[in-house]
Structures are given as C-alpha cells and as structure tokens.
Amino acid sequence: MKPENLKTVAEQAARMAGSFLRLMSFTDLQIFRKGKSDVVTNFDMESERLIKNHIRMHFPDHVIQAEESQINLDSLPDNVIWFIDPLDGTKAFLRGNFAFVCMSIAAWDKSGVLAGVVYNPFTDMLYSTSKNGDVSLNGTVFHSARTDCPLKKARVLIDFSSRISDQIQHELATADLTGKIGRTYRLGGGISQHLMLIAQASLDGGIFWGAGYKGQFWDIAAATLIIERLGLKFTNLDGDPIHPTDEVFDRLLVAAPSLHQELLEWVTHLKELQ
C-alpha cells in the first residue's frame, strides 16, 4: 500500500466533508450529550459518515476507528487502520470560533502512521503528508522555518487540566511571568489545530498536561506524522513515543529536539511537585 495513495484519499475525504460543514445551516443543528462535559452534533456524525464512506469506496478491507463510531481495538489488526476525528473542537464550533476547528484523518499500520491530514474547512487550510514524504499546505510543500530557540525565549502553548495539582497548575500558568519561558499561550478548540500552529512555526512548542482521562489517538494521529516529518519531536510527558495502544493521550510534549529536551527536563522537575 503506497502511503501517497492513502494521503490522496484522505485529502479528498477531508475536502468533501469540509464542504458539507461549510454549507450546513445552523438552523439544522442538533446537539447530543456524550457525557458530563462532552457533546456531539449531527454535523460531527454526518462529517464522519462522509469521510468513512469515501475511504471504504477506495479501501473496503481497511479498518476504520472514528470518534463517533468506535470499535474495539484490544488487539491491533495487521491491516491498515484509519483514525478519524471528523470535527475536532466541537465546543469551539458551537461558539462560532471556527479558527480552532478542524478534522483529522490518519492511516496507520504496525510500522506507524502512513499518511495524515489535518483540515480546517472554515479557513481552508489543509495540512498533509505521507510516510517519508514532504509536508504540504494546500498542495504547496513547506518546511518549518524555525531557529534553535532556547526555552527562555520560546513561545510555548501550555494547556493543562484543572484536575492536576494546584502547584503544577501555578508553575505552568506563571512560567512566562517568572522568566522560565519566553511567552506562553492558552487557546481553546481542537488540539490538532493547535499542533498545526507549532508545525508552521507560529509557536515554538507545546505542553499538554491533562489529567489522564481525555483524548484518544484519533485526536492526534495525523498531527504526529506531520510534526515528525518537519523534524520536531512529539512525545508523552515521559519523553516516550505515542502509540495507539497507549492509555493516555492528553499528556504531550511537542517542540524541536533541543527545545523538547529543555521542556522535558522542566516537566520532569514539575512532576516531583505532585
């Protein structure tokens, strides 16, 4: 299976579902509750249906794991698995904050992510790559134009849960005020869109420190490949690579290698405060 072919199909599926999202009227919106603080809309479900149907038309024997129609993957099959988040940032979408809404589509096998697409249909920015391929934005190849930035000068996205310790929250929230980090940012919306800001060098790195209960591989699968193809490191907070069978997907560290090492050392120190 050629990764480039997988990428092409993922791009087609993303643009098709994106057209649907742009054309849908909010008068047709239906909202359903998935849990205490999580919601899904009929837009999420229809976007997922369109993406899945397009993939199945080209690859009927592939396995599909999607946010709104999960299957049991206790043992990973030998075949290609597609990880799909049809509308990352549903809450931002409902608030009309479309700059931080996107969809994520990735093809994976036991060698790793083969192709990945992150698409914001409202800004019409489609990031894509394939294994061993270049990263492109709307079909134009781009390389992350970043310098070797030290932590004290870095622009770092910091996202953390209110469920982690108060002391760690305080250290993360005040890192720029204390001079530990050049400047910190907190943003709402989908994580894949945040990761693309790091990929395109609008930000230098990111720390995502959740409580260990939120997030799934489909949230970040496509972004992991895009970021790695740009020469950045994408790991958990222990510095280990991310895998679909992991139990936690909301504790992440992203940056260029030297900055990643500085962030990892700081995070390791902060863990001792728990």
Protein backbone atom coordinates (compact mmCIF):
# COMPACT_ATOMS: atom_id res chain seq x y z
CA MET A 1 0.00 0.00 0.00
CA LYS A 2 1.59 3.28 -1.13
CA PRO A 3 1.38 5.96 1.58
CA GLU A 4 0.99 8.63 -1.11
CA ASN A 5 -2.23 6.98 -2.32
CA LEU A 6 -3.55 6.90 1.24
CA LYS A 7 -2.76 10.59 1.60
CA THR A 8 -4.64 11.45 -1.61
CA VAL A 9 -7.76 9.63 -0.44
CA ALA A 10 -7.55 11.30 2.98
CA GLU A 11 -7.28 14.73 1.35
CA GLN A 12 -10.29 14.02 -0.85
CA ALA A 13 -12.34 12.81 2.11
CA ALA A 14 -11.42 15.87 4.17
CA ARG A 15 -12.37 18.34 1.45
CA MET A 16 -15.66 16.55 0.82
CA ALA A 17 -16.64 16.57 4.50
CA GLY A 18 -15.36 20.14 4.81
CA SER A 19 -17.65 21.32 2.01
CA PHE A 20 -20.57 19.79 3.85
CA LEU A 21 -19.67 21.59 7.10
CA ARG A 22 -19.36 24.96 5.37
CA LEU A 23 -22.69 24.58 3.58
CA MET A 24 -24.74 23.30 6.53
CA SER A 25 -27.10 25.77 8.15
CA PHE A 26 -27.03 26.16 11.92
CA THR A 27 -30.82 26.01 11.82
CA ASP A 28 -30.35 22.27 11.19
CA LEU A 29 -28.04 21.81 14.18
CA GLN A 30 -28.81 19.03 16.66
CA ILE A 31 -26.78 18.59 19.85
CA PHE A 32 -26.43 15.37 21.83
CA ARG A 33 -24.62 14.82 25.13
CA LYS A 34 -21.94 12.12 25.22
CA GLY A 35 -21.01 12.63 28.85
CA LYS A 36 -20.99 15.17 31.64
CA SER A 37 -18.91 17.70 29.75
CA ASP A 38 -18.78 16.32 26.22
CA VAL A 39 -21.21 16.88 23.38
CA VAL A 40 -21.62 15.75 19.79
CA THR A 41 -23.66 17.27 16.99
CA ASN A 42 -25.32 15.88 13.89
CA PHE A 43 -22.62 17.79 11.98
CA ASP A 44 -19.91 15.62 13.65
CA MET A 45 -21.79 12.45 12.74
CA GLU A 46 -22.50 13.41 9.13
CA SER A 47 -18.92 14.56 8.60
CA GLU A 48 -17.71 11.21 9.90
CA ARG A 49 -20.12 9.31 7.66
CA LEU A 50 -18.87 11.14 4.55
CA ILE A 51 -15.22 10.51 5.43
CA LYS A 52 -15.77 6.83 6.19
CA ASN A 53 -17.78 6.23 3.02
CA HIS A 54 -15.08 7.80 0.85
CA ILE A 55 -12.35 5.70 2.45
CA ARG A 56 -14.39 2.50 2.17
CA MET A 57 -15.05 3.20 -1.51
CA HIS A 58 -11.27 3.05 -2.13
CA PHE A 59 -10.17 0.63 0.59
CA PRO A 60 -13.08 -1.63 1.57
CA ASP A 61 -10.86 -4.03 3.55
CA HIS A 62 -9.32 -1.37 5.80
CA VAL A 63 -10.33 -0.96 9.45
CA ILE A 64 -11.83 2.38 10.49
CA GLN A 65 -11.67 3.74 14.04
CA ALA A 66 -13.59 7.00 14.37
CA GLU A 67 -14.64 9.19 17.27
CA GLU A 68 -18.39 8.85 16.85
CA SER A 69 -18.39 5.14 15.93
CA GLN A 70 -15.64 3.45 17.88
CA ILE A 71 -14.79 -0.22 17.53
CA ASN A 72 -12.89 -2.49 19.91
CA LEU A 73 -9.17 -2.47 19.10
CA ASP A 74 -7.85 -4.54 22.00
CA SER A 75 -5.56 -6.27 19.50
CA LEU A 76 -4.40 -4.22 16.54
CA PRO A 77 -5.03 -5.91 13.17
CA ASP A 78 -2.30 -6.36 10.57
CA ASN A 79 -4.31 -4.36 8.06
CA VAL A 80 -4.33 -0.56 7.70
CA ILE A 81 -6.36 1.26 10.37
CA TRP A 82 -7.83 4.70 9.74
CA PHE A 83 -8.10 7.01 12.76
CA ILE A 84 -10.67 9.76 12.19
CA ASP A 85 -11.77 12.78 14.19
CA PRO A 86 -14.49 14.32 12.00
CA LEU A 87 -14.83 17.57 13.95
CA ASP A 88 -12.07 18.33 16.43
CA GLY A 89 -13.11 21.26 18.60
CA THR A 90 -16.88 20.77 18.74
CA LYS A 91 -17.28 23.28 21.57
CA ALA A 92 -15.32 25.91 19.63
CA PHE A 93 -17.53 25.12 16.63
CA LEU A 94 -20.69 25.70 18.66
CA ARG A 95 -19.30 29.04 19.86
CA GLY A 96 -18.51 30.10 16.30
CA ASN A 97 -14.77 30.03 16.98
CA PHE A 98 -14.05 28.44 13.61
CA ALA A 99 -10.32 29.25 13.58
CA PHE A 100 -9.77 26.39 16.04
CA VAL A 101 -11.96 23.73 14.42
CA CYS A 102 -10.58 21.02 12.16
CA MET A 103 -10.80 17.39 11.15
CA SER A 104 -8.05 14.81 11.49
CA ILE A 105 -7.63 11.76 9.23
CA ALA A 106 -4.73 9.30 9.52
CA ALA A 107 -3.88 5.90 8.05
CA TRP A 108 -1.78 3.67 10.32
CA ASP A 109 -0.25 0.21 10.27
CA LYS A 110 2.19 -1.54 12.57
CA SER A 111 5.07 0.42 11.05
CA GLY A 112 3.46 3.69 12.21
CA VAL A 113 1.36 6.46 10.68
CA LEU A 114 1.42 6.14 6.89
CA ALA A 115 -0.48 9.29 5.92
CA GLY A 116 -2.03 12.19 7.79
CA VAL A 117 -4.33 15.11 7.00
CA VAL A 118 -5.45 17.95 9.25
CA TYR A 119 -8.01 20.25 7.61
CA ASN A 120 -9.79 23.37 8.81
CA PRO A 121 -12.66 23.78 6.32
CA PHE A 122 -13.50 27.27 7.56
CA THR A 123 -10.04 28.73 6.94
CA ASP A 124 -9.48 26.26 4.04
CA MET A 125 -6.07 25.21 5.37
CA LEU A 126 -5.24 21.58 4.61
CA TYR A 127 -2.02 20.16 6.05
CA SER A 128 -1.00 16.75 4.74
CA THR A 129 1.90 14.35 4.46
CA SER A 130 2.75 10.72 3.91
CA LYS A 131 5.41 8.47 5.37
CA ASN A 132 8.81 9.64 4.05
CA GLY A 133 7.05 12.44 2.13
CA ASP A 134 7.06 16.22 2.34
CA VAL A 135 4.54 18.21 4.35
CA SER A 136 2.26 20.38 2.26
CA LEU A 137 -0.23 23.14 2.99
CA ASN A 138 -2.98 23.23 0.35
CA GLY A 139 -0.72 21.29 -2.00
CA THR A 140 2.34 23.52 -1.61
CA VAL A 141 5.33 21.92 0.11
CA PHE A 142 6.56 23.82 3.13
CA HIS A 143 9.35 23.36 5.63
CA SER A 144 9.19 24.60 9.19
CA ALA A 145 11.32 27.75 9.18
CA ARG A 146 12.38 27.85 12.83
CA THR A 147 15.61 28.61 14.63
CA ASP A 148 17.10 26.74 17.56
CA CYS A 149 15.13 28.61 20.21
CA PRO A 150 16.05 28.31 23.91
CA LEU A 151 13.26 27.84 26.44
CA LYS A 152 13.67 31.33 27.94
CA LYS A 153 12.87 32.86 24.53
CA ALA A 154 10.37 30.30 23.27
CA ARG A 155 6.68 30.83 22.50
CA VAL A 156 5.01 27.81 24.05
CA LEU A 157 1.40 26.70 24.02
CA ILE A 158 0.53 25.44 27.51
CA ASP A 159 -2.73 23.60 28.05
CA PHE A 160 -3.49 21.96 31.38
CA SER A 161 -6.37 20.39 33.26
CA SER A 162 -7.84 21.83 36.44
CA ARG A 163 -7.60 18.29 37.82
CA ILE A 164 -3.81 18.27 38.10
CA SER A 165 -2.15 19.57 41.27
CA ASP A 166 -2.56 23.24 42.17
CA GLN A 167 1.19 23.69 42.41
CA ILE A 168 1.85 22.38 38.91
CA GLN A 169 -1.01 24.50 37.54
CA HIS A 170 0.58 27.55 39.17
CA GLU A 171 4.02 26.77 37.73
CA LEU A 172 2.60 26.27 34.23
CA ALA A 173 0.38 29.36 34.35
CA THR A 174 3.15 31.68 35.56
CA ALA A 175 6.06 30.29 33.53
CA ASP A 176 6.39 33.43 31.39
CA LEU A 177 5.99 35.77 34.36
CA THR A 178 8.82 34.02 36.22
CA GLY A 179 11.08 34.06 33.15
CA LYS A 180 11.12 30.29 32.70
CA ILE A 181 9.56 30.54 29.23
CA GLY A 182 9.66 33.47 26.81
CA ARG A 183 5.89 33.64 26.32
CA THR A 184 3.04 31.21 27.00
CA TYR A 185 -0.32 30.86 25.31
CA ARG A 186 -3.59 29.14 26.20
CA LEU A 187 -6.08 28.55 23.38
CA GLY A 188 -9.49 26.91 23.05
CA GLY A 189 -10.56 24.49 20.36
CA GLY A 190 -9.21 21.31 18.81
CA ILE A 191 -5.76 20.00 19.66
CA SER A 192 -4.87 19.19 16.04
CA GLN A 193 -5.35 22.83 15.08
CA HIS A 194 -3.10 23.85 17.99
CA LEU A 195 -0.46 21.39 16.84
CA MET A 196 -0.53 22.87 13.34
CA LEU A 197 0.39 26.26 14.82
CA ILE A 198 3.53 24.57 16.14
CA ALA A 199 4.10 22.77 12.84
CA GLN A 200 4.03 26.03 10.87
CA ALA A 201 6.31 27.74 13.45
CA SER A 202 3.70 30.22 14.67
CA LEU A 203 4.57 28.72 18.06
CA ASP A 204 7.82 27.03 19.11
CA GLY A 205 6.40 24.19 21.19
CA GLY A 206 3.61 22.88 23.33
CA ILE A 207 2.91 21.23 26.67
CA PHE A 208 -0.43 19.48 27.07
CA TRP A 209 -0.84 18.32 30.67
CA GLY A 210 -4.16 16.60 31.10
CA ALA A 211 -5.45 14.52 33.96
CA GLY A 212 -5.11 11.30 32.01
CA TYR A 213 -8.74 10.74 31.09
CA LYS A 214 -9.30 12.88 27.99
CA GLY A 215 -8.27 12.40 24.37
CA GLN A 216 -7.78 9.48 22.01
CA PHE A 217 -5.28 8.56 19.31
CA TRP A 218 -7.59 9.84 16.54
CA ASP A 219 -7.23 13.36 18.03
CA ILE A 220 -3.52 13.49 17.26
CA ALA A 221 -2.70 10.64 14.83
CA ALA A 222 -2.40 12.80 11.71
CA ALA A 223 -0.58 15.58 13.56
CA THR A 224 2.07 13.20 14.89
CA LEU A 225 3.24 12.40 11.37
CA ILE A 226 3.04 16.00 10.12
CA ILE A 227 5.08 17.24 13.07
CA GLU A 228 7.66 14.46 12.88
CA ARG A 229 8.14 14.98 9.12
CA LEU A 230 9.06 18.59 9.94
CA GLY A 231 11.85 17.42 12.24
CA LEU A 232 10.09 18.10 15.54
CA LYS A 233 9.72 15.71 18.48
CA PHE A 234 6.26 14.61 19.61
CA THR A 235 6.18 12.50 22.78
CA ASN A 236 4.28 11.97 26.00
CA LEU A 237 5.42 13.77 29.16
CA ASP A 238 7.88 10.95 29.88
CA GLY A 239 9.59 11.54 26.55
CA ASP A 240 8.28 8.29 25.03
CA PRO A 241 6.79 7.94 21.52
CA ILE A 242 2.99 7.85 21.17
CA HIS A 243 1.24 4.62 20.16
CA PRO A 244 -2.44 3.77 19.51
CA THR A 245 -2.47 1.29 22.40
CA ASP A 246 -1.41 3.93 24.96
CA GLU A 247 -3.83 4.54 27.80
CA VAL A 248 -3.27 8.32 27.97
CA PHE A 249 -3.36 10.83 25.10
CA ASP A 250 -3.70 14.15 26.91
CA ARG A 251 -0.17 14.43 28.31
CA LEU A 252 2.00 15.53 25.41
CA LEU A 253 5.18 17.41 24.62
CA VAL A 254 6.00 18.93 21.21
CA ALA A 255 8.99 21.00 20.07
CA ALA A 256 12.20 20.99 18.07
CA PRO A 257 14.69 18.50 19.57
CA SER A 258 16.75 20.91 21.68
CA LEU A 259 13.72 22.79 22.99
CA HIS A 260 11.92 19.50 23.56
CA GLN A 261 14.79 18.39 25.79
CA GLU A 262 14.57 21.59 27.85
CA LEU A 263 10.81 21.22 28.19
CA LEU A 264 11.18 17.56 29.17
CA GLU A 265 13.67 18.42 31.90
CA TRP A 266 11.34 21.11 33.26
CA VAL A 267 8.31 18.80 33.15
CA THR A 268 10.30 16.09 34.93
CA HIS A 269 11.10 18.60 37.68
CA LEU A 270 7.45 19.67 37.94
CA LYS A 271 6.34 16.05 38.38
CA GLU A 272 8.28 15.98 41.62
CA LEU A 273 5.92 18.67 42.97
CA GLN A 274 2.94 16.32 42.86
